[in-house]
Protein backbone atom coordinates (compact mmCIF):
# COMPACT_ATOMS: atom_id res chain seq x y z
CA MET A 1 29.00 179.90 105.05
CA ARG A 2 28.94 183.18 106.77
CA PRO A 3 25.68 184.48 105.28
CA VAL A 4 23.91 181.11 106.28
CA LEU A 5 25.37 181.55 109.76
CA ALA A 6 24.10 185.13 109.96
CA VAL A 7 20.69 184.30 108.71
CA TRP A 8 20.34 181.35 111.18
CA LEU A 9 21.51 183.63 114.04
CA ALA A 10 19.09 186.38 113.16
CA LEU A 11 16.23 183.87 112.80
CA SER A 12 17.03 182.24 116.20
CA LEU A 13 17.19 185.70 117.88
CA LEU A 14 13.89 186.75 116.32
CA ALA A 15 12.06 183.52 116.93
CA GLY A 16 13.45 182.88 120.42
CA THR A 17 12.85 179.36 121.66
CA GLY A 18 10.59 178.66 118.79
CA ALA A 19 13.46 178.02 116.49
CA GLN A 20 14.07 174.90 118.28
CA GLU A 21 10.53 173.75 117.59
CA VAL A 22 10.67 174.59 114.01
CA CYS A 23 14.04 172.84 113.64
CA GLY A 24 12.78 169.71 115.32
CA GLY A 25 14.01 170.31 118.85
CA PRO A 26 11.99 168.99 121.78
CA PRO A 27 8.79 170.75 122.55
CA ALA A 28 8.65 172.72 125.67
CA ALA A 29 6.87 170.76 128.54
CA PRO A 30 3.72 172.53 129.84
CA ALA A 31 4.20 173.99 133.28
CA HIS A 32 2.13 172.58 136.11
CA SER A 33 1.75 174.27 139.47
CA ILE A 34 0.56 172.03 142.34
CA PRO A 35 0.05 173.63 145.76
CA ALA A 36 0.81 171.78 148.90
CA PRO A 37 -2.24 171.02 151.15
CA GLN A 38 -3.04 173.98 153.51
CA LEU A 39 -3.11 172.36 156.95
CA SER A 40 -5.30 173.80 159.72
CA PRO A 41 -3.82 174.44 163.22
CA GLU A 42 -5.33 171.16 164.49
CA GLU A 43 -3.73 169.28 161.58
CA ARG A 44 -0.35 170.81 162.13
CA LEU A 45 -0.16 170.99 165.95
CA SER A 46 -2.46 168.54 167.71
CA PRO A 47 -0.89 165.23 169.06
CA HIS A 48 -4.05 163.39 167.95
CA MET A 49 -5.12 162.36 164.53
CA PRO A 50 -7.67 164.87 163.19
CA GLU A 51 -11.19 163.35 163.11
CA SER A 52 -11.46 163.83 159.32
CA LEU A 53 -8.42 161.61 158.79
CA ARG A 54 -9.06 158.87 161.34
CA CYS A 55 -10.80 156.45 158.92
CA ASP A 56 -7.90 156.64 156.49
CA ALA A 57 -5.49 156.22 159.38
CA CYS A 58 -7.23 153.12 160.64
CA HIS A 59 -7.08 151.60 157.23
CA ALA A 60 -3.33 152.27 156.97
CA ILE A 61 -2.88 150.74 160.48
CA ALA A 62 -4.87 147.57 159.47
CA PHE A 63 -2.82 147.34 156.26
CA GLN A 64 0.47 147.61 158.16
CA ILE A 65 -0.65 144.96 160.85
CA GLU A 66 -1.72 142.58 157.98
CA GLU A 67 1.69 143.11 156.29
CA GLN A 68 3.68 142.43 159.36
CA LEU A 69 1.60 139.41 160.41
CA HIS A 70 1.81 137.82 156.96
CA ARG A 71 5.47 138.35 156.85
CA ALA A 72 5.85 136.78 160.32
CA GLU A 73 3.71 133.79 159.39
CA GLY A 74 5.68 133.24 156.11
CA LYS A 75 8.74 132.88 158.16
CA VAL A 76 7.17 129.96 160.02
CA GLY A 77 5.54 128.37 156.97
CA ARG A 78 2.07 129.89 157.16
CA LYS A 79 1.40 128.28 160.56
CA ALA A 80 -0.37 130.25 163.29
CA LEU A 81 2.05 132.30 165.37
CA SER A 82 2.53 131.59 169.04
CA GLU A 83 1.04 134.29 171.38
CA SER A 84 4.50 135.67 172.13
CA ASP A 85 5.37 135.86 168.50
CA TYR A 86 2.12 137.83 167.40
CA VAL A 87 2.47 140.12 170.46
CA ASP A 88 5.96 140.96 169.33
CA VAL A 89 4.80 141.50 165.70
CA LEU A 90 2.07 143.84 166.79
CA GLU A 91 4.41 145.77 168.89
CA ARG A 92 6.76 146.09 166.08
CA SER A 93 3.97 147.03 163.63
CA CYS A 94 2.83 149.82 165.92
CA SER A 95 6.47 151.11 166.76
CA GLN A 96 7.65 151.15 163.18
CA GLY A 97 8.51 154.26 161.35
CA TRP A 98 5.34 155.56 159.62
CA GLU A 99 7.29 158.03 157.42
CA SER A 100 5.74 156.78 154.17
CA TYR A 101 2.33 158.27 155.21
CA GLY A 102 1.31 161.83 154.72
CA VAL A 103 -1.50 164.09 153.66
CA GLN A 104 -2.60 164.89 150.12
CA GLU A 105 -5.36 167.16 149.02
CA LEU A 106 -7.71 165.42 146.49
CA ASP A 107 -10.60 167.30 145.00
CA GLY A 108 -10.38 169.91 147.86
CA GLU A 109 -10.52 167.25 150.55
CA LYS A 110 -7.53 166.32 152.67
CA ARG A 111 -6.82 162.67 152.73
CA LEU A 112 -4.12 160.47 154.34
CA ALA A 113 -2.04 158.88 151.73
CA GLY A 114 0.54 156.03 151.75
CA PRO A 115 0.69 152.15 151.43
CA GLY A 116 -2.58 150.39 151.54
CA LEU A 117 -4.67 153.47 151.08
CA PRO A 118 -6.81 154.10 147.95
CA ARG A 119 -7.21 157.28 145.90
CA GLN A 120 -3.59 158.40 145.66
CA GLU A 121 -2.86 160.99 143.02
CA PRO A 122 0.55 160.98 141.46
CA MET A 123 0.23 164.59 140.45
CA SER A 124 -0.28 166.05 143.84
CA VAL A 125 1.95 167.14 146.78
CA MET A 126 1.99 165.07 149.81
CA VAL A 127 3.04 166.37 153.14
CA LEU A 128 5.21 163.63 154.75
CA GLY A 129 6.79 163.44 158.23
CA GLY A 130 5.83 166.01 160.78
CA PRO A 131 3.07 164.84 163.16
CA TRP A 132 1.80 161.97 160.98
CA PRO A 133 4.12 159.11 161.98
CA GLY A 134 3.65 159.77 165.70
CA ARG A 135 -0.17 159.99 165.29
CA LEU A 136 -0.31 156.73 163.42
CA SER A 137 1.87 155.01 165.97
CA LYS A 138 -0.19 156.28 168.83
CA MET A 139 -3.44 155.21 167.17
CA CYS A 140 -2.04 151.81 166.45
CA HIS A 141 -0.93 151.24 170.11
CA GLY A 142 -4.42 152.41 171.13
CA TYR A 143 -6.10 149.79 168.92
CA VAL A 144 -3.92 147.02 170.35
CA GLY A 145 -4.58 148.22 173.90
CA GLU A 146 -8.46 148.46 173.36
CA ARG A 147 -8.87 145.31 171.25
CA GLY A 148 -6.11 143.10 172.64
CA GLU A 149 -3.51 141.24 170.78
CA ALA A 150 -5.48 137.92 170.75
CA GLN A 151 -8.56 139.52 169.24
CA ILE A 152 -6.56 141.39 166.55
CA TYR A 153 -4.57 138.23 165.70
CA GLY A 154 -7.83 136.22 165.48
CA ALA A 155 -9.34 138.69 163.11
CA HIS A 156 -6.14 138.62 161.04
CA ARG A 157 -6.48 134.86 160.78
CA ARG A 158 -9.98 135.33 159.33
CA GLY A 159 -8.70 137.71 156.65
CA PRO A 160 -8.02 141.36 155.95
CA ALA A 161 -11.64 142.30 155.77
CA ALA A 162 -12.27 140.92 159.25
CA LEU A 163 -9.38 142.86 160.63
CA ARG A 164 -10.60 146.11 158.97
CA GLU A 165 -14.04 145.40 160.33
CA LEU A 166 -12.69 144.93 163.91
CA LEU A 167 -10.43 148.00 163.90
CA CYS A 168 -12.17 150.49 161.65
CA HIS A 169 -15.87 149.78 160.99
CA GLY A 170 -17.32 148.41 164.18
CA GLU A 171 -19.79 150.49 166.22
CA LYS A 172 -17.00 152.61 167.70
CA GLY A 173 -14.71 152.31 164.71
CA ALA A 174 -13.12 155.34 162.92
CA CYS A 175 -15.19 154.56 159.88
CA ALA A 176 -18.45 153.73 161.57
CA GLY A 177 -21.60 154.94 160.04
CA GLY A 178 -20.31 154.62 156.38
CA LYS A 179 -17.77 157.49 156.76
CA ALA A 180 -15.08 157.15 154.23
CA GLY A 181 -12.52 159.47 155.77
CA GLY A 182 -14.81 162.46 155.94
CA PRO A 183 -15.74 164.48 158.95
CA ALA A 184 -17.29 162.67 161.82
CA PRO A 185 -20.49 163.62 163.39
CA PRO A 186 -19.92 165.61 166.55
CA LYS A 187 -19.41 163.55 169.61
CA ALA A 188 -20.23 164.22 173.19
CA MET A 189 -17.58 166.30 174.88
CA GLN A 190 -15.22 164.31 177.13
CA ASN A 191 -12.76 165.58 179.58
CA GLU A 192 -9.21 164.54 178.77
CA LEU A 193 -6.54 164.33 181.44
């Protein structure tokens, strides 16, 4: 028994981890290294959503508004909500925690990722938290303030495509001009107070 044990010990020392593979042990998993997206100073520090991510952000907001309004309508049997009810739902939609959204780098391009957004890669690093939840909430409140609760609810009642068109794809929408989340054309400078 001792000579067999000595031979086995010598072979395992010489072969290293390869002895497990020869003896039917589990193969070593290949190592993957996935870097986190490198964020620019604007992406890290600005209180506003970067222009290149506004279309994705708009689609995330439209998705969340749709989800919240559908849920509220389901509680009343799919009937239309009263004005006070849909105003409350829209306020909750915009004030919710947006922590499930973040930024991924896909094919060298930074994209917002989270529920309701396409092109999410499971084998990538997503930067969550930080400025993204506050930016999404601020944009959502801005849409409700600009478009009005009644117009947003009316678009929702016509369907998800109508709501996305109203919020994201209209003349002044974040996705106007066929942008799919890419950089926007330069706009005229405006003074912000």
